[in-house]
Amino acid sequence: MIQAFINKPEKYKESVESVITLISSDSEKMKKAAKDLKDLVEEVKSL
């Protein structure tokens, strides 16, 4: 879906995959995943 967008963050797919990989029962990994996802959303909103 994002591939069809004219403006998109660099390495969007890799960023999403990284967030998904971090999701686990480890609270520190979950905090990192949440922060990374929030940062990605903010980047998309700024476009």
N, C-alpha and C. Protein backbone atom coordinates (compact mmCIF):
# COMPACT_ATOMS: atom_id res chain seq x y z
N MET A 1 0.82 -1.18 0.00
CA MET A 1 0.00 0.00 0.00
C MET A 1 0.87 1.26 0.00
N ILE A 2 1.86 1.32 0.86
CA ILE A 2 2.72 2.51 0.94
C ILE A 2 3.48 2.73 -0.36
N GLN A 3 3.73 1.66 -1.11
CA GLN A 3 4.48 1.79 -2.34
C GLN A 3 3.77 2.71 -3.33
N ALA A 4 2.47 2.82 -3.24
CA ALA A 4 1.69 3.66 -4.15
C ALA A 4 1.75 5.14 -3.77
N PHE A 5 2.22 5.46 -2.60
CA PHE A 5 2.28 6.84 -2.15
C PHE A 5 3.44 7.57 -2.83
N ILE A 6 3.21 8.80 -3.21
CA ILE A 6 4.27 9.61 -3.81
C ILE A 6 5.30 9.98 -2.73
N ASN A 7 4.80 10.47 -1.60
CA ASN A 7 5.67 10.83 -0.48
C ASN A 7 5.57 9.74 0.58
N LYS A 8 6.70 9.19 0.92
CA LYS A 8 6.74 8.16 1.97
C LYS A 8 8.10 8.21 2.64
N PRO A 9 8.16 7.79 3.89
CA PRO A 9 9.43 7.79 4.59
C PRO A 9 10.41 6.82 3.93
N GLU A 10 11.68 7.18 3.99
CA GLU A 10 12.71 6.24 3.52
C GLU A 10 12.68 5.01 4.41
N LYS A 11 12.90 3.89 3.83
CA LYS A 11 12.99 2.62 4.57
C LYS A 11 11.73 2.35 5.39
N TYR A 12 10.57 2.72 4.87
CA TYR A 12 9.30 2.51 5.58
C TYR A 12 9.09 1.02 5.89
N LYS A 13 9.24 0.19 4.87
CA LYS A 13 9.01 -1.25 5.05
C LYS A 13 9.94 -1.81 6.12
N GLU A 14 11.20 -1.43 6.07
CA GLU A 14 12.15 -1.92 7.06
C GLU A 14 11.79 -1.46 8.46
N SER A 15 11.30 -0.23 8.56
CA SER A 15 10.91 0.31 9.88
C SER A 15 9.74 -0.47 10.46
N VAL A 16 8.74 -0.76 9.62
CA VAL A 16 7.58 -1.52 10.08
C VAL A 16 8.01 -2.93 10.49
N GLU A 17 8.85 -3.55 9.67
CA GLU A 17 9.32 -4.90 10.00
C GLU A 17 10.10 -4.91 11.31
N SER A 18 10.88 -3.87 11.54
CA SER A 18 11.64 -3.77 12.79
C SER A 18 10.70 -3.69 13.99
N VAL A 19 9.67 -2.88 13.87
CA VAL A 19 8.69 -2.75 14.96
C VAL A 19 8.04 -4.11 15.23
N ILE A 20 7.63 -4.79 14.18
CA ILE A 20 6.98 -6.09 14.35
C ILE A 20 7.92 -7.08 15.02
N THR A 21 9.18 -7.05 14.64
CA THR A 21 10.17 -7.96 15.21
C THR A 21 10.36 -7.72 16.71
N LEU A 22 10.24 -6.46 17.13
CA LEU A 22 10.46 -6.13 18.54
C LEU A 22 9.30 -6.53 19.45
N ILE A 23 8.12 -6.77 18.88
CA ILE A 23 6.96 -7.10 19.70
C ILE A 23 7.18 -8.44 20.39
N SER A 24 7.14 -8.40 21.71
CA SER A 24 7.36 -9.61 22.50
C SER A 24 6.88 -9.37 23.93
N SER A 25 7.10 -10.35 24.77
CA SER A 25 6.73 -10.18 26.18
C SER A 25 7.79 -9.40 26.96
N ASP A 26 8.91 -9.10 26.32
CA ASP A 26 9.98 -8.32 26.95
C ASP A 26 9.55 -6.85 26.97
N SER A 27 9.39 -6.30 28.15
CA SER A 27 8.87 -4.94 28.28
C SER A 27 9.77 -3.88 27.65
N GLU A 28 11.06 -4.08 27.70
CA GLU A 28 11.98 -3.11 27.09
C GLU A 28 11.86 -3.13 25.57
N LYS A 29 11.72 -4.31 25.00
CA LYS A 29 11.54 -4.42 23.55
C LYS A 29 10.20 -3.79 23.14
N MET A 30 9.18 -3.99 23.95
CA MET A 30 7.87 -3.41 23.65
C MET A 30 7.92 -1.89 23.72
N LYS A 31 8.65 -1.35 24.70
CA LYS A 31 8.80 0.10 24.79
C LYS A 31 9.50 0.64 23.55
N LYS A 32 10.54 -0.06 23.10
CA LYS A 32 11.27 0.36 21.89
C LYS A 32 10.34 0.27 20.67
N ALA A 33 9.58 -0.80 20.57
CA ALA A 33 8.65 -0.96 19.45
C ALA A 33 7.63 0.18 19.44
N ALA A 34 7.09 0.51 20.60
CA ALA A 34 6.11 1.59 20.70
C ALA A 34 6.72 2.93 20.31
N LYS A 35 7.92 3.20 20.78
CA LYS A 35 8.60 4.45 20.44
C LYS A 35 8.89 4.53 18.94
N ASP A 36 9.42 3.43 18.39
CA ASP A 36 9.73 3.42 16.97
C ASP A 36 8.48 3.61 16.12
N LEU A 37 7.38 2.97 16.53
CA LEU A 37 6.13 3.12 15.79
C LEU A 37 5.61 4.55 15.89
N LYS A 38 5.68 5.13 17.08
CA LYS A 38 5.26 6.52 17.25
C LYS A 38 6.09 7.44 16.37
N ASP A 39 7.40 7.23 16.34
CA ASP A 39 8.28 8.04 15.51
C ASP A 39 7.92 7.90 14.03
N LEU A 40 7.62 6.69 13.60
CA LEU A 40 7.25 6.46 12.21
C LEU A 40 5.93 7.15 11.87
N VAL A 41 4.97 7.07 12.76
CA VAL A 41 3.69 7.75 12.55
C VAL A 41 3.90 9.26 12.44
N GLU A 42 4.71 9.81 13.31
CA GLU A 42 4.99 11.25 13.26
C GLU A 42 5.67 11.62 11.94
N GLU A 43 6.58 10.78 11.48
CA GLU A 43 7.25 11.05 10.21
C GLU A 43 6.25 11.04 9.05
N VAL A 44 5.35 10.08 9.06
CA VAL A 44 4.33 10.00 8.01
C VAL A 44 3.41 11.22 8.08
N LYS A 45 3.02 11.61 9.27
CA LYS A 45 2.14 12.78 9.42
C LYS A 45 2.79 14.06 8.91
N SER A 46 4.10 14.14 9.01
CA SER A 46 4.79 15.37 8.60
C SER A 46 4.95 15.48 7.08
N LEU A 47 4.67 14.41 6.37
CA LEU A 47 4.82 14.45 4.91
C LEU A 47 3.70 15.16 4.27
